[in-house]
Amino acid sequence: MRSKGYAKELLTECEVWAKGNGCQEFASDCEIDNINSLHFHKAMNFTEANRIICFTKLL
């Protein structure tokens, strides 16, 4: 379903809802190696804020 504009349309509706409910900022994230998501976020005018590495440890 990629490249059909559905994600952009959904994001736009979410932003409208958020603004209507008093939100002033919208945040999102993606896995560090998810290049498609990274490109989508940049195309939707998100600004990269940080990169992190998450760790787990079995006990």
PDB file of N, CA and C in Angstrom:
ATOM      1  N   MET A   1       0.815  -1.204   0.000  1.00  0.00           N
ATOM      2  CA  MET A   1       0.000   0.000   0.000  1.00  0.00           C
ATOM      3  C   MET A   1       0.853   1.260   0.000  1.00  0.00           C
ATOM      4  N   ARG A   2       2.152   1.094  -0.190  1.00  0.00           N
ATOM      5  CA  ARG A   2       3.035   2.253  -0.192  1.00  0.00           C
ATOM      6  C   ARG A   2       2.818   3.110  -1.432  1.00  0.00           C
ATOM      7  N   SER A   3       3.190   4.368  -1.271  1.00  0.00           N
ATOM      8  CA  SER A   3       3.159   5.349  -2.372  1.00  0.00           C
ATOM      9  C   SER A   3       1.762   5.640  -2.883  1.00  0.00           C
ATOM     10  N   LYS A   4       0.753   5.444  -2.035  1.00  0.00           N
ATOM     11  CA  LYS A   4      -0.616   5.772  -2.421  1.00  0.00           C
ATOM     12  C   LYS A   4      -1.152   6.965  -1.643  1.00  0.00           C
ATOM     13  N   GLY A   5      -0.339   7.509  -0.732  1.00  0.00           N
ATOM     14  CA  GLY A   5      -0.741   8.693   0.013  1.00  0.00           C
ATOM     15  C   GLY A   5      -1.531   8.421   1.277  1.00  0.00           C
ATOM     16  N   TYR A   6      -1.734   7.138   1.623  1.00  0.00           N
ATOM     17  CA  TYR A   6      -2.538   6.826   2.801  1.00  0.00           C
ATOM     18  C   TYR A   6      -1.874   7.303   4.092  1.00  0.00           C
ATOM     19  N   ALA A   7      -0.593   7.101   4.219  1.00  0.00           N
ATOM     20  CA  ALA A   7       0.112   7.516   5.447  1.00  0.00           C
ATOM     21  C   ALA A   7       0.070   9.030   5.605  1.00  0.00           C
ATOM     22  N   LYS A   8       0.274   9.744   4.518  1.00  0.00           N
ATOM     23  CA  LYS A   8       0.226  11.207   4.561  1.00  0.00           C
ATOM     24  C   LYS A   8      -1.173  11.678   4.962  1.00  0.00           C
ATOM     25  N   GLU A   9      -2.188  11.049   4.396  1.00  0.00           N
ATOM     26  CA  GLU A   9      -3.567  11.412   4.718  1.00  0.00           C
ATOM     27  C   GLU A   9      -3.882  11.126   6.188  1.00  0.00           C
ATOM     28  N   LEU A  10      -3.449   9.988   6.681  1.00  0.00           N
ATOM     29  CA  LEU A  10      -3.669   9.637   8.079  1.00  0.00           C
ATOM     30  C   LEU A  10      -2.938  10.600   9.008  1.00  0.00           C
ATOM     31  N   LEU A  11      -1.690  10.922   8.684  1.00  0.00           N
ATOM     32  CA  LEU A  11      -0.925  11.869   9.496  1.00  0.00           C
ATOM     33  C   LEU A  11      -1.617  13.229   9.525  1.00  0.00           C
ATOM     34  N   THR A  12      -2.086  13.677   8.397  1.00  0.00           N
ATOM     35  CA  THR A  12      -2.776  14.974   8.324  1.00  0.00           C
ATOM     36  C   THR A  12      -3.998  14.987   9.233  1.00  0.00           C
ATOM     37  N   GLU A  13      -4.792  13.915   9.202  1.00  0.00           N
ATOM     38  CA  GLU A  13      -5.979  13.844  10.065  1.00  0.00           C
ATOM     39  C   GLU A  13      -5.588  13.792  11.540  1.00  0.00           C
ATOM     40  N   CYS A  14      -4.523  13.080  11.861  1.00  0.00           N
ATOM     41  CA  CYS A  14      -4.048  13.031  13.252  1.00  0.00           C
ATOM     42  C   CYS A  14      -3.605  14.407  13.721  1.00  0.00           C
ATOM     43  N   GLU A  15      -2.926  15.147  12.853  1.00  0.00           N
ATOM     44  CA  GLU A  15      -2.483  16.502  13.212  1.00  0.00           C
ATOM     45  C   GLU A  15      -3.662  17.426  13.431  1.00  0.00           C
ATOM     46  N   VAL A  16      -4.677  17.316  12.590  1.00  0.00           N
ATOM     47  CA  VAL A  16      -5.886  18.142  12.751  1.00  0.00           C
ATOM     48  C   VAL A  16      -6.539  17.828  14.089  1.00  0.00           C
ATOM     49  N   TRP A  17      -6.666  16.530  14.407  1.00  0.00           N
ATOM     50  CA  TRP A  17      -7.255  16.130  15.682  1.00  0.00           C
ATOM     51  C   TRP A  17      -6.430  16.661  16.852  1.00  0.00           C
ATOM     52  N   ALA A  18      -5.114  16.516  16.771  1.00  0.00           N
ATOM     53  CA  ALA A  18      -4.234  16.955  17.860  1.00  0.00           C
ATOM     54  C   ALA A  18      -4.342  18.465  18.077  1.00  0.00           C
ATOM     55  N   LYS A  19      -4.300  19.232  16.994  1.00  0.00           N
ATOM     56  CA  LYS A  19      -4.444  20.696  17.115  1.00  0.00           C
ATOM     57  C   LYS A  19      -5.782  21.053  17.736  1.00  0.00           C
ATOM     58  N   GLY A  20      -6.831  20.354  17.328  1.00  0.00           N
ATOM     59  CA  GLY A  20      -8.170  20.604  17.854  1.00  0.00           C
ATOM     60  C   GLY A  20      -8.300  20.267  19.325  1.00  0.00           C
ATOM     61  N   ASN A  21      -7.374  19.480  19.831  1.00  0.00           N
ATOM     62  CA  ASN A  21      -7.383  19.103  21.242  1.00  0.00           C
ATOM     63  C   ASN A  21      -6.281  19.788  22.034  1.00  0.00           C
ATOM     64  N   GLY A  22      -5.771  20.891  21.488  1.00  0.00           N
ATOM     65  CA  GLY A  22      -4.838  21.734  22.228  1.00  0.00           C
ATOM     66  C   GLY A  22      -3.375  21.332  22.163  1.00  0.00           C
ATOM     67  N   CYS A  23      -3.046  20.320  21.376  1.00  0.00           N
ATOM     68  CA  CYS A  23      -1.645  19.908  21.275  1.00  0.00           C
ATOM     69  C   CYS A  23      -0.855  20.921  20.449  1.00  0.00           C
ATOM     70  N   GLN A  24       0.376  21.142  20.837  1.00  0.00           N
ATOM     71  CA  GLN A  24       1.234  22.096  20.142  1.00  0.00           C
ATOM     72  C   GLN A  24       2.408  21.429  19.447  1.00  0.00           C
ATOM     73  N   GLU A  25       2.600  20.141  19.702  1.00  0.00           N
ATOM     74  CA  GLU A  25       3.726  19.433  19.104  1.00  0.00           C
ATOM     75  C   GLU A  25       3.311  17.993  18.838  1.00  0.00           C
ATOM     76  N   PHE A  26       3.837  17.450  17.762  1.00  0.00           N
ATOM     77  CA  PHE A  26       3.544  16.081  17.364  1.00  0.00           C
ATOM     78  C   PHE A  26       4.876  15.351  17.287  1.00  0.00           C
ATOM     79  N   ALA A  27       4.973  14.192  17.915  1.00  0.00           N
ATOM     80  CA  ALA A  27       6.220  13.434  17.923  1.00  0.00           C
ATOM     81  C   ALA A  27       5.996  12.055  17.304  1.00  0.00           C
ATOM     82  N   SER A  28       7.065  11.494  16.780  1.00  0.00           N
ATOM     83  CA  SER A  28       7.016  10.166  16.187  1.00  0.00           C
ATOM     84  C   SER A  28       8.405   9.560  16.283  1.00  0.00           C
ATOM     85  N   ASP A  29       8.504   8.282  16.012  1.00  0.00           N
ATOM     86  CA  ASP A  29       9.819   7.649  16.001  1.00  0.00           C
ATOM     87  C   ASP A  29       9.831   6.500  15.006  1.00  0.00           C
ATOM     88  N   CYS A  30      11.019   6.018  14.713  1.00  0.00           N
ATOM     89  CA  CYS A  30      11.183   4.846  13.858  1.00  0.00           C
ATOM     90  C   CYS A  30      12.492   4.163  14.223  1.00  0.00           C
ATOM     91  N   GLU A  31      12.624   2.911  13.841  1.00  0.00           N
ATOM     92  CA  GLU A  31      13.872   2.192  14.066  1.00  0.00           C
ATOM     93  C   GLU A  31      14.983   2.888  13.297  1.00  0.00           C
ATOM     94  N   ILE A  32      16.183   2.863  13.842  1.00  0.00           N
ATOM     95  CA  ILE A  32      17.302   3.605  13.276  1.00  0.00           C
ATOM     96  C   ILE A  32      17.665   3.149  11.857  1.00  0.00           C
ATOM     97  N   ASP A  33      17.361   1.889  11.526  1.00  0.00           N
ATOM     98  CA  ASP A  33      17.693   1.387  10.188  1.00  0.00           C
ATOM     99  C   ASP A  33      16.500   1.360   9.236  1.00  0.00           C
ATOM    100  N   ASN A  34      15.374   1.955   9.638  1.00  0.00           N
ATOM    101  CA  ASN A  34      14.184   1.990   8.793  1.00  0.00           C
ATOM    102  C   ASN A  34      14.247   3.216   7.886  1.00  0.00           C
ATOM    103  N   ILE A  35      14.939   3.061   6.778  1.00  0.00           N
ATOM    104  CA  ILE A  35      15.186   4.176   5.854  1.00  0.00           C
ATOM    105  C   ILE A  35      13.892   4.700   5.245  1.00  0.00           C
ATOM    106  N   ASN A  36      12.947   3.810   4.927  1.00  0.00           N
ATOM    107  CA  ASN A  36      11.675   4.269   4.350  1.00  0.00           C
ATOM    108  C   ASN A  36      10.937   5.188   5.315  1.00  0.00           C
ATOM    109  N   SER A  37      10.897   4.810   6.585  1.00  0.00           N
ATOM    110  CA  SER A  37      10.230   5.639   7.582  1.00  0.00           C
ATOM    111  C   SER A  37      10.962   6.962   7.776  1.00  0.00           C
ATOM    112  N   LEU A  38      12.286   6.899   7.793  1.00  0.00           N
ATOM    113  CA  LEU A  38      13.080   8.120   7.929  1.00  0.00           C
ATOM    114  C   LEU A  38      12.758   9.101   6.794  1.00  0.00           C
ATOM    115  N   HIS A  39      12.723   8.593   5.571  1.00  0.00           N
ATOM    116  CA  HIS A  39      12.411   9.456   4.418  1.00  0.00           C
ATOM    117  C   HIS A  39      10.983  10.008   4.502  1.00  0.00           C
ATOM    118  N   PHE A  40      10.051   9.174   4.947  1.00  0.00           N
ATOM    119  CA  PHE A  40       8.666   9.632   5.099  1.00  0.00           C
ATOM    120  C   PHE A  40       8.584  10.769   6.111  1.00  0.00           C
ATOM    121  N   HIS A  41       9.209  10.574   7.279  1.00  0.00           N
ATOM    122  CA  HIS A  41       9.161  11.612   8.315  1.00  0.00           C
ATOM    123  C   HIS A  41       9.754  12.926   7.812  1.00  0.00           C
ATOM    124  N   LYS A  42      10.875  12.842   7.122  1.00  0.00           N
ATOM    125  CA  LYS A  42      11.486  14.062   6.582  1.00  0.00           C
ATOM    126  C   LYS A  42      10.580  14.712   5.543  1.00  0.00           C
ATOM    127  N   ALA A  43       9.937  13.908   4.708  1.00  0.00           N
ATOM    128  CA  ALA A  43       9.022  14.439   3.693  1.00  0.00           C
ATOM    129  C   ALA A  43       7.799  15.105   4.322  1.00  0.00           C
ATOM    130  N   MET A  44       7.447  14.666   5.541  1.00  0.00           N
ATOM    131  CA  MET A  44       6.295  15.233   6.246  1.00  0.00           C
ATOM    132  C   MET A  44       6.702  16.377   7.175  1.00  0.00           C
ATOM    133  N   ASN A  45       7.914  16.874   6.996  1.00  0.00           N
ATOM    134  CA  ASN A  45       8.432  18.035   7.730  1.00  0.00           C
ATOM    135  C   ASN A  45       8.707  17.779   9.212  1.00  0.00           C
ATOM    136  N   PHE A  46       8.935  16.521   9.585  1.00  0.00           N
ATOM    137  CA  PHE A  46       9.421  16.241  10.931  1.00  0.00           C
ATOM    138  C   PHE A  46      10.892  16.635  10.987  1.00  0.00           C
ATOM    139  N   THR A  47      11.339  17.096  12.127  1.00  0.00           N
ATOM    140  CA  THR A  47      12.740  17.426  12.351  1.00  0.00           C
ATOM    141  C   THR A  47      13.344  16.354  13.249  1.00  0.00           C
ATOM    142  N   GLU A  48      14.454  15.798  12.821  1.00  0.00           N
ATOM    143  CA  GLU A  48      15.115  14.786  13.649  1.00  0.00           C
ATOM    144  C   GLU A  48      15.604  15.439  14.936  1.00  0.00           C
ATOM    145  N   ALA A  49      15.213  14.855  16.065  1.00  0.00           N
ATOM    146  CA  ALA A  49      15.549  15.444  17.357  1.00  0.00           C
ATOM    147  C   ALA A  49      16.705  14.722  18.037  1.00  0.00           C
ATOM    148  N   ASN A  50      16.835  13.411  17.789  1.00  0.00           N
ATOM    149  CA  ASN A  50      17.837  12.641  18.514  1.00  0.00           C
ATOM    150  C   ASN A  50      17.914  11.248  17.918  1.00  0.00           C
ATOM    151  N   ARG A  51      18.995  10.552  18.207  1.00  0.00           N
ATOM    152  CA  ARG A  51      19.121   9.129  17.887  1.00  0.00           C
ATOM    153  C   ARG A  51      19.558   8.426  19.150  1.00  0.00           C
ATOM    154  N   ILE A  52      18.965   7.258  19.393  1.00  0.00           N
ATOM    155  CA  ILE A  52      19.306   6.510  20.597  1.00  0.00           C
ATOM    156  C   ILE A  52      19.585   5.052  20.249  1.00  0.00           C
ATOM    157  N   ILE A  53      20.242   4.386  21.155  1.00  0.00           N
ATOM    158  CA  ILE A  53      20.429   2.950  21.074  1.00  0.00           C
ATOM    159  C   ILE A  53      19.767   2.363  22.307  1.00  0.00           C
ATOM    160  N   CYS A  54      18.865   1.405  22.104  1.00  0.00           N
ATOM    161  CA  CYS A  54      18.164   0.764  23.213  1.00  0.00           C
ATOM    162  C   CYS A  54      18.832  -0.564  23.523  1.00  0.00           C
ATOM    163  N   PHE A  55      18.883  -0.904  24.791  1.00  0.00           N
ATOM    164  CA  PHE A  55      19.545  -2.125  25.242  1.00  0.00           C
ATOM    165  C   PHE A  55      18.558  -2.999  26.009  1.00  0.00           C
ATOM    166  N   THR A  56      18.778  -4.305  25.949  1.00  0.00           N
ATOM    167  CA  THR A  56      18.060  -5.245  26.801  1.00  0.00           C
ATOM    168  C   THR A  56      19.072  -6.201  27.403  1.00  0.00           C
ATOM    169  N   LYS A  57      18.688  -6.821  28.500  1.00  0.00           N
ATOM    170  CA  LYS A  57      19.570  -7.790  29.149  1.00  0.00           C
ATOM    171  C   LYS A  57      18.688  -8.837  29.821  1.00  0.00           C
ATOM    172  N   LEU A  58      18.883 -10.078  29.443  1.00  0.00           N
ATOM    173  CA  LEU A  58      18.151 -11.154  30.080  1.00  0.00           C
ATOM    174  C   LEU A  58      18.684 -11.367  31.476  1.00  0.00           C
ATOM    175  N   LEU A  59      17.814 -11.601  32.419  1.00  0.00           N
ATOM    176  CA  LEU A  59      18.201 -11.830  33.806  1.00  0.00           C
ATOM    177  C   LEU A  59      18.108 -13.303  34.159  1.00  0.00           C
TER     178      LEU A  59
END
